[in-house]
Protein backbone atom coordinates (compact mmCIF):
# COMPACT_ATOMS: atom_id res chain seq x y z
CA MET A 1 -0.01 -0.02 0.00
CA ARG A 2 1.04 3.61 -0.38
CA ASP A 3 0.11 6.68 1.63
CA ASN A 4 1.30 10.13 2.57
CA VAL A 5 2.31 10.07 6.23
CA ARG A 6 2.44 13.14 8.41
CA THR A 7 4.79 12.99 11.39
CA HIS A 8 4.18 15.50 14.18
CA PRO A 9 7.21 17.27 15.76
CA ALA A 10 6.64 15.43 19.10
CA ASP A 11 7.40 12.14 17.21
CA PHE A 12 10.74 13.38 15.80
CA ARG A 13 12.51 11.92 18.87
CA LYS A 14 11.47 8.41 17.76
CA PRO A 15 13.44 6.49 15.12
CA ARG A 16 11.93 7.55 11.78
CA ALA A 17 10.73 4.04 10.83
CA GLN A 18 8.92 3.71 14.22
CA ALA A 19 7.27 7.16 13.86
CA LEU A 20 5.99 6.19 10.41
CA VAL A 21 4.69 2.80 11.56
CA ASP A 22 2.95 4.45 14.56
CA GLU A 23 1.18 6.93 12.27
CA LEU A 24 0.19 4.16 9.80
CA ASN A 25 -1.10 1.93 12.57
CA ALA A 26 -3.15 4.78 13.98
CA LYS A 27 -4.76 5.22 10.54
CA TYR A 28 -5.25 1.59 9.41
CA ALA A 29 -5.14 -0.79 12.39
CA ASN A 30 -8.56 -1.92 13.58
CA LYS A 31 -10.25 -0.16 10.59
CA ILE A 32 -12.21 -1.65 7.75
CA LEU A 33 -10.68 -1.06 4.33
CA HIS A 34 -13.48 -1.19 1.76
CA ASN A 35 -13.26 -4.39 -0.40
CA VAL A 36 -9.98 -5.30 1.35
CA GLY A 37 -10.78 -6.38 4.94
CA LEU A 38 -10.00 -5.50 8.55
CA GLY A 39 -6.60 -3.82 8.95
CA ILE A 40 -4.66 -5.49 11.77
CA ARG A 41 -1.27 -3.79 11.82
CA VAL A 42 1.60 -2.57 9.59
CA TRP A 43 3.85 -5.44 8.70
CA ASP A 44 6.73 -3.37 7.41
CA VAL A 45 7.78 -0.18 5.63
CA ILE A 46 9.20 -0.96 2.19
CA GLU A 47 10.13 2.55 1.16
CA ALA A 48 9.77 6.13 2.45
CA SER A 49 10.55 9.29 0.55
CA ASP A 50 12.62 12.07 1.97
CA GLU A 51 10.71 14.15 4.55
CA ILE A 52 9.26 17.54 3.67
CA VAL A 53 8.94 19.75 6.68
CA HIS A 54 6.09 22.20 6.79
CA MET A 55 7.52 25.11 8.76
CA VAL A 56 4.58 27.45 8.02
CA GLN A 57 2.04 25.03 9.52
CA ASP A 58 2.97 23.21 12.74
CA GLY A 59 6.40 21.90 11.79
CA SER A 60 5.22 18.41 10.87
CA SER A 61 6.98 16.45 8.19
CA GLN A 62 5.38 14.50 5.40
CA SER A 63 6.69 11.46 3.53
CA LYS A 64 5.32 9.21 0.82
CA VAL A 65 5.44 5.68 2.28
CA THR A 66 5.07 2.23 0.67
CA PHE A 67 4.21 -0.43 3.24
CA ARG A 68 2.63 -3.79 3.79
CA LEU A 69 -0.39 -4.17 6.03
CA VAL A 70 -1.63 -7.36 7.73
CA VAL A 71 -5.34 -7.69 6.86
CA TYR A 72 -7.97 -10.08 8.15
CA ARG A 73 -10.31 -11.32 5.40
CA PRO A 74 -11.43 -14.91 5.51
CA PHE A 75 -12.25 -16.66 2.25
CA LYS A 76 -15.64 -18.07 1.28
CA GLY A 77 -16.02 -21.60 2.59
CA GLU A 78 -13.41 -21.15 5.31
CA ILE A 79 -14.20 -22.81 8.66
CA LEU A 80 -13.79 -20.42 11.58
CA THR A 81 -14.36 -20.52 15.29
CA GLY A 82 -15.82 -17.85 17.57
CA LYS A 83 -18.14 -17.48 20.55
CA VAL A 84 -21.91 -17.09 20.64
CA ALA A 85 -22.51 -13.39 21.43
CA LYS A 86 -26.27 -12.94 21.10
CA ASN A 87 -29.43 -14.89 20.30
CA ASP A 88 -32.14 -12.99 18.42
CA PRO A 89 -35.44 -14.58 17.40
CA ILE A 90 -35.52 -12.69 14.01
CA GLU A 91 -31.90 -12.16 13.06
CA GLY A 92 -30.43 -15.45 14.33
CA VAL A 93 -27.22 -15.88 16.24
CA ARG A 94 -24.54 -13.20 16.50
CA VAL A 95 -20.96 -14.47 16.81
CA SER A 96 -17.79 -12.75 18.11
CA MET A 97 -14.19 -13.65 17.31
CA GLU A 98 -13.06 -11.16 20.01
CA PHE A 99 -11.29 -8.92 17.40
CA PHE A 100 -14.27 -9.03 14.98
CA ASP A 101 -17.99 -9.06 15.91
CA ASP A 102 -20.02 -8.53 12.78
CA ILE A 103 -20.84 -12.19 12.19
CA LEU A 104 -24.32 -13.48 11.78
CA ILE A 105 -25.83 -16.92 11.53
CA PRO A 106 -29.34 -16.38 10.04
CA PRO A 107 -32.02 -19.01 10.84
CA ALA A 108 -31.86 -20.34 7.28
CA PHE A 109 -28.17 -21.22 7.80
CA MET A 110 -28.68 -23.29 10.96
CA GLN A 111 -28.92 -27.05 11.39
CA PRO A 112 -32.32 -28.48 10.27
CA GLY A 113 -34.58 -28.71 13.29
CA THR A 114 -33.25 -25.52 14.89
CA GLU A 115 -35.82 -23.10 16.42
CA PHE A 116 -35.92 -20.19 18.83
CA ASP A 117 -36.97 -21.13 22.39
CA GLU A 118 -39.04 -18.15 23.69
CA GLU A 119 -38.81 -19.32 27.25
CA GLU A 120 -34.98 -19.65 27.28
CA LYS A 121 -34.46 -16.81 24.75
CA LEU A 122 -31.96 -19.02 22.95
CA TRP A 123 -31.73 -20.86 19.67
CA VAL A 124 -31.97 -24.61 20.19
CA TRP A 125 -31.19 -27.48 17.83
CA ARG A 126 -33.64 -30.32 18.48
CA TYR A 127 -31.65 -33.41 17.39
CA GLU A 128 -32.82 -37.01 17.98
CA GLY A 129 -34.71 -36.11 21.15
CA ASN A 130 -31.97 -33.84 22.49
CA ASP A 131 -32.22 -30.10 23.00
CA LEU A 132 -28.89 -28.54 22.14
CA TYR A 133 -28.96 -24.85 23.16
CA MET A 134 -26.73 -22.16 21.79
CA ASP A 135 -25.68 -20.55 25.08
CA ILE A 136 -23.90 -17.21 25.20
CA ASP A 137 -20.07 -17.41 25.28
CA GLU A 138 -20.01 -20.99 24.03
CA PRO A 139 -17.38 -21.78 21.31
CA ILE A 140 -19.00 -22.24 17.89
CA ARG A 141 -17.56 -23.47 14.60
CA PHE A 142 -19.03 -22.08 11.38
CA ARG A 143 -18.43 -21.81 7.60
CA LEU A 144 -18.20 -18.40 5.82
CA GLU A 145 -20.96 -18.15 3.18
CA VAL A 146 -21.25 -14.45 2.34
CA GLU A 147 -19.06 -11.40 3.11
CA GLN A 148 -20.46 -7.94 2.62
CA PHE A 149 -18.75 -4.59 2.38
CA VAL A 150 -20.93 -1.46 2.80
CA ASP A 151 -19.55 1.96 2.05
CA VAL A 152 -20.71 3.82 5.13
CA GLY A 153 -18.96 7.07 4.18
CA PRO A 154 -16.92 9.15 6.58
CA VAL A 155 -17.78 9.09 10.27
CA ARG A 156 -17.33 12.37 12.07
CA GLN A 157 -16.07 12.28 15.63
CA GLY A 158 -18.54 13.66 18.13
CA ASP A 159 -21.57 12.56 16.17
CA GLN A 160 -24.13 10.70 18.21
CA GLU A 161 -24.09 6.96 17.75
CA VAL A 162 -26.80 5.92 15.28
CA LYS A 163 -27.58 2.42 14.10
CA ARG A 164 -25.58 2.08 10.89
CA ALA A 165 -24.80 -0.84 8.72
CA ALA A 166 -21.46 -2.49 9.61
CA PRO A 167 -18.80 -1.59 6.98
CA TYR A 168 -17.77 -5.27 6.78
CA SER A 169 -19.91 -8.20 7.90
CA LEU A 170 -19.95 -11.97 7.49
CA MET A 171 -22.93 -14.26 7.04
CA VAL A 172 -22.02 -17.76 8.12
CA SER A 173 -23.57 -21.20 8.30
CA ILE A 174 -23.70 -24.06 10.79
CA ALA A 175 -26.01 -26.23 8.65
CA GLU A 176 -23.77 -29.23 8.19
CA PRO A 177 -22.15 -31.97 10.31
CA GLY A 178 -19.22 -30.75 12.41
CA LEU A 179 -20.48 -27.13 12.54
CA GLY A 180 -22.22 -25.47 15.48
CA LEU A 181 -21.20 -25.51 19.09
CA THR A 182 -17.94 -27.33 19.45
CA ALA A 183 -19.44 -29.17 22.48
CA TRP A 184 -21.98 -30.88 20.12
CA TRP A 185 -19.13 -32.67 18.29
CA ASP A 186 -16.35 -33.05 20.83
CA GLY A 187 -16.09 -36.18 22.88
């Protein structure tokens, strides 16, 4: 990747490579890159141009930087593991991987015989006379079916939180043997 990196005078005391990596991580780490994935961290800086110092402004320097970024983007059909985060009677089951939470198992992608138990407020797979509940925080194995990128536009700091579409989300399935809560299959 390439970007113009601005280094503030307070960071001039750091080694130049570290100052560039810190600025790039602040911009890209834990951010969704449209049609790319979730930025994790800068892997390395391949090249950086000479610095141009802006004396008229605040004394910051600017460099053109070529770098590599570690990105999380699972491929379609990949088997992943997370934890059950939420049970919703309409949406389905929300899953968290701790570093990424926009994962949904819709009812149509659950094991045949799965239904929402209104009393327990949990999804339950009724299998051969057994009620297998999808309890919160239980480990769950799933297959990626659909990934969706949504261009949400710029988000201004200070704006009140409004329900917006996630910029990157995964729709996953547990509708085959070996998928679902790991406790169903272990042992």
